C-alpha cells in the first residue's frame, strides 16, 4: 500500500507543476487559485491512472525510470486533454512531455539523494 501512495504522490508532483506552467504559458504572475485547482485535479487524475495501472502491470515497470516517465507523460497528456479546455493548441501534448521530463529529472534526483543518504 505504501508503494501505491508513494507512486500517486510522485506522479502528482510531476504532473501538477507541468500543467500549471503550461496553462499559464510560464507566466508565474498569472497563476490563480483556479489554475491551481485545475493543475492539482490533472495531477491527481494522472496519479490515479498510474496507481490503477500498477494493479494490472508487472512491478518491473514501477522501478524503471524511463518506463514510468513515459507512462506519466502519456497519462498527463490524456488527462489534461480530457479534463479542461486548452489555452493553446497542443497544450495537452506539451503537458505530457513536460511531466515526463520532470518525472525523469525527479527520479534521478531521488536516486542521488537515496544513494548519498545510504552511503553515510
C-alpha atoms as a PDB file:
ATOM      1  CA  UNK A   1       0.000   0.000   0.000  1.00  0.00           C
ATOM      2  CA  UNK A   2       2.863   2.371   0.810  1.00  0.00           C
ATOM      3  CA  UNK A   3       4.242   1.857  -2.698  1.00  0.00           C
ATOM      4  CA  UNK A   4       0.871   2.896  -4.206  1.00  0.00           C
ATOM      5  CA  UNK A   5       0.689   6.051  -2.081  1.00  0.00           C
ATOM      6  CA  UNK A   6       4.266   6.956  -2.998  1.00  0.00           C
ATOM      7  CA  UNK A   7       3.513   6.324  -6.679  1.00  0.00           C
ATOM      8  CA  UNK A   8       0.451   8.590  -6.506  1.00  0.00           C
ATOM      9  CA  UNK A   9       2.206  11.500  -4.799  1.00  0.00           C
ATOM     10  CA  UNK A  10       5.294  11.328  -7.002  1.00  0.00           C
ATOM     11  CA  UNK A  11       3.105  11.487 -10.107  1.00  0.00           C
ATOM     12  CA  UNK A  12       1.149  14.345  -8.545  1.00  0.00           C
ATOM     13  CA  UNK A  13       4.451  16.178  -8.056  1.00  0.00           C
ATOM     14  CA  UNK A  14       5.450  15.522 -11.677  1.00  0.00           C
ATOM     15  CA  UNK A  15       2.207  16.462 -13.398  1.00  0.00           C
ATOM     16  CA  UNK A  16       0.917  19.405 -11.339  1.00  0.00           C
ATOM     17  CA  UNK A  17       3.804  21.834 -11.982  1.00  0.00           C
ATOM     18  CA  UNK A  18       3.957  20.849 -15.652  1.00  0.00           C
ATOM     19  CA  UNK A  19       0.246  21.504 -16.075  1.00  0.00           C
ATOM     20  CA  UNK A  20       0.387  24.726 -14.069  1.00  0.00           C
ATOM     21  CA  UNK A  21       3.294  26.190 -16.024  1.00  0.00           C
ATOM     22  CA  UNK A  22       1.856  25.304 -19.406  1.00  0.00           C
ATOM     23  CA  UNK A  23      -1.630  26.506 -18.539  1.00  0.00           C
ATOM     24  CA  UNK A  24      -0.225  29.966 -17.767  1.00  0.00           C
ATOM     25  CA  UNK A  25       2.394  29.672 -20.518  1.00  0.00           C
ATOM     26  CA  UNK A  26       5.166  30.198 -17.982  1.00  0.00           C
ATOM     27  CA  UNK A  27       3.746  33.447 -16.585  1.00  0.00           C
ATOM     28  CA  UNK A  28       4.021  32.927 -12.832  1.00  0.00           C
ATOM     29  CA  UNK A  29       2.161  36.196 -12.155  1.00  0.00           C
ATOM     30  CA  UNK A  30      -0.901  34.838 -13.979  1.00  0.00           C
ATOM     31  CA  UNK A  31      -1.318  31.820 -11.680  1.00  0.00           C
ATOM     32  CA  UNK A  32      -4.658  31.917  -9.876  1.00  0.00           C
ATOM     33  CA  UNK A  33      -6.463  29.634  -7.486  1.00  0.00           C
ATOM     34  CA  UNK A  34      -8.451  28.300 -10.465  1.00  0.00           C
ATOM     35  CA  UNK A  35      -5.181  27.359 -12.196  1.00  0.00           C
ATOM     36  CA  UNK A  36      -4.037  25.526  -9.069  1.00  0.00           C
ATOM     37  CA  UNK A  37      -7.352  23.707  -8.865  1.00  0.00           C
ATOM     38  CA  UNK A  38      -7.146  22.513 -12.481  1.00  0.00           C
ATOM     39  CA  UNK A  39      -3.468  21.561 -12.196  1.00  0.00           C
ATOM     40  CA  UNK A  40      -3.977  19.638  -8.952  1.00  0.00           C
ATOM     41  CA  UNK A  41      -7.001  17.904 -10.464  1.00  0.00           C
ATOM     42  CA  UNK A  42      -4.988  16.907 -13.516  1.00  0.00           C
ATOM     43  CA  UNK A  43      -2.091  15.714 -11.346  1.00  0.00           C
ATOM     44  CA  UNK A  44      -4.429  13.741  -9.101  1.00  0.00           C
ATOM     45  CA  UNK A  45      -6.164  12.047 -12.014  1.00  0.00           C
ATOM     46  CA  UNK A  46      -2.859  11.172 -13.689  1.00  0.00           C
ATOM     47  CA  UNK A  47      -1.570   9.793 -10.374  1.00  0.00           C
ATOM     48  CA  UNK A  48      -4.727   7.715 -10.012  1.00  0.00           C
ATOM     49  CA  UNK A  49      -4.283   6.339 -13.543  1.00  0.00           C
ATOM     50  CA  UNK A  50      -0.745   5.204 -12.712  1.00  0.00           C
ATOM     51  CA  UNK A  51      -1.875   3.635  -9.434  1.00  0.00           C
ATOM     52  CA  UNK A  52      -4.620   1.743 -11.287  1.00  0.00           C
ATOM     53  CA  UNK A  53      -2.090   0.565 -13.865  1.00  0.00           C
ATOM     54  CA  UNK A  54       0.153  -0.666 -11.069  1.00  0.00           C
ATOM     55  CA  UNK A  55      -2.514  -3.204 -10.064  1.00  0.00           C
ATOM     56  CA  UNK A  56      -2.580  -4.717 -13.558  1.00  0.00           C
ATOM     57  CA  UNK A  57       1.005  -4.455 -14.734  1.00  0.00           C
ATOM     58  CA  UNK A  58       4.063  -6.308 -13.553  1.00  0.00           C
ATOM     59  CA  UNK A  59       6.032  -4.491 -10.886  1.00  0.00           C
ATOM     60  CA  UNK A  60       9.176  -4.286 -13.018  1.00  0.00           C
ATOM     61  CA  UNK A  61       7.952  -1.145 -14.776  1.00  0.00           C
ATOM     62  CA  UNK A  62       7.467   0.630 -11.444  1.00  0.00           C
ATOM     63  CA  UNK A  63      11.223   0.565 -10.951  1.00  0.00           C
ATOM     64  CA  UNK A  64      12.244   1.540 -14.488  1.00  0.00           C
ATOM     65  CA  UNK A  65      12.597   5.320 -14.578  1.00  0.00           C
ATOM     66  CA  UNK A  66      12.168   5.566 -18.349  1.00  0.00           C
ATOM     67  CA  UNK A  67       9.014   3.467 -18.479  1.00  0.00           C
ATOM     68  CA  UNK A  68       7.435   5.305 -15.561  1.00  0.00           C
ATOM     69  CA  UNK A  69       8.345   8.665 -17.148  1.00  0.00           C
ATOM     70  CA  UNK A  70       6.741   7.615 -20.441  1.00  0.00           C
ATOM     71  CA  UNK A  71       3.606   6.354 -18.681  1.00  0.00           C
ATOM     72  CA  UNK A  72       3.434   9.541 -16.590  1.00  0.00           C
ATOM     73  CA  UNK A  73       3.716  11.688 -19.712  1.00  0.00           C
ATOM     74  CA  UNK A  74       1.077   9.671 -21.512  1.00  0.00           C
ATOM     75  CA  UNK A  75      -1.318   9.797 -18.545  1.00  0.00           C
ATOM     76  CA  UNK A  76      -0.702  13.525 -18.046  1.00  0.00           C
ATOM     77  CA  UNK A  77      -1.326  14.322 -21.707  1.00  0.00           C
ATOM     78  CA  UNK A  78      -4.510  12.277 -21.861  1.00  0.00           C
ATOM     79  CA  UNK A  79      -5.918  13.578 -18.581  1.00  0.00           C
ATOM     80  CA  UNK A  80      -5.002  17.176 -19.433  1.00  0.00           C
ATOM     81  CA  UNK A  81      -6.680  16.913 -22.811  1.00  0.00           C
ATOM     82  CA  UNK A  82      -9.845  15.481 -21.283  1.00  0.00           C
ATOM     83  CA  UNK A  83     -10.088  17.449 -18.031  1.00  0.00           C
ATOM     84  CA  UNK A  84     -10.129  21.043 -19.251  1.00  0.00           C
ATOM     85  CA  UNK A  85     -10.064  23.094 -22.458  1.00  0.00           C
ATOM     86  CA  UNK A  86      -6.641  24.014 -23.765  1.00  0.00           C
ATOM     87  CA  UNK A  87      -5.334  27.564 -23.603  1.00  0.00           C
ATOM     88  CA  UNK A  88      -3.297  26.947 -26.754  1.00  0.00           C
ATOM     89  CA  UNK A  89      -3.088  24.235 -29.394  1.00  0.00           C
ATOM     90  CA  UNK A  90      -1.014  21.281 -28.249  1.00  0.00           C
ATOM     91  CA  UNK A  91      -1.163  22.162 -24.549  1.00  0.00           C
ATOM     92  CA  UNK A  92      -2.031  18.601 -23.504  1.00  0.00           C
ATOM     93  CA  UNK A  93       0.835  17.154 -25.553  1.00  0.00           C
ATOM     94  CA  UNK A  94       3.286  19.662 -24.109  1.00  0.00           C
ATOM     95  CA  UNK A  95       1.998  18.945 -20.592  1.00  0.00           C
ATOM     96  CA  UNK A  96       2.675  15.248 -21.152  1.00  0.00           C
ATOM     97  CA  UNK A  97       6.182  15.916 -22.407  1.00  0.00           C
ATOM     98  CA  UNK A  98       6.938  18.287 -19.529  1.00  0.00           C
ATOM     99  CA  UNK A  99       5.520  15.835 -16.965  1.00  0.00           C
ATOM    100  CA  UNK A 100       7.639  13.012 -18.410  1.00  0.00           C
ATOM    101  CA  UNK A 101      10.713  15.246 -18.236  1.00  0.00           C
ATOM    102  CA  UNK A 102      10.009  16.234 -14.639  1.00  0.00           C
ATOM    103  CA  UNK A 103       9.394  12.604 -13.740  1.00  0.00           C
ATOM    104  CA  UNK A 104      12.773  11.634 -15.161  1.00  0.00           C
ATOM    105  CA  UNK A 105      14.513  14.576 -13.504  1.00  0.00           C
ATOM    106  CA  UNK A 106      12.951  13.854 -10.113  1.00  0.00           C
ATOM    107  CA  UNK A 107      13.730  10.130 -10.324  1.00  0.00           C
ATOM    108  CA  UNK A 108      17.408  10.922 -10.912  1.00  0.00           C
ATOM    109  CA  UNK A 109      17.362  13.406  -8.011  1.00  0.00           C
ATOM    110  CA  UNK A 110      15.643  10.904  -5.685  1.00  0.00           C
ATOM    111  CA  UNK A 111      18.158   8.204  -6.619  1.00  0.00           C
ATOM    112  CA  UNK A 112      21.079  10.520  -5.883  1.00  0.00           C
ATOM    113  CA  UNK A 113      19.513  11.541  -2.595  1.00  0.00           C
ATOM    114  CA  UNK A 114      18.954   7.900  -1.595  1.00  0.00           C
ATOM    115  CA  UNK A 115      22.492   6.973  -2.629  1.00  0.00           C
ATOM    116  CA  UNK A 116      24.053   9.810  -0.648  1.00  0.00           C
ATOM    117  CA  UNK A 117      21.874   9.039   2.393  1.00  0.00           C
ATOM    118  CA  UNK A 118      22.698   5.302   2.302  1.00  0.00           C
ATOM    119  CA  UNK A 119      26.447   5.888   1.902  1.00  0.00           C
ATOM    120  CA  UNK A 120      26.708   7.980   5.091  1.00  0.00           C
END
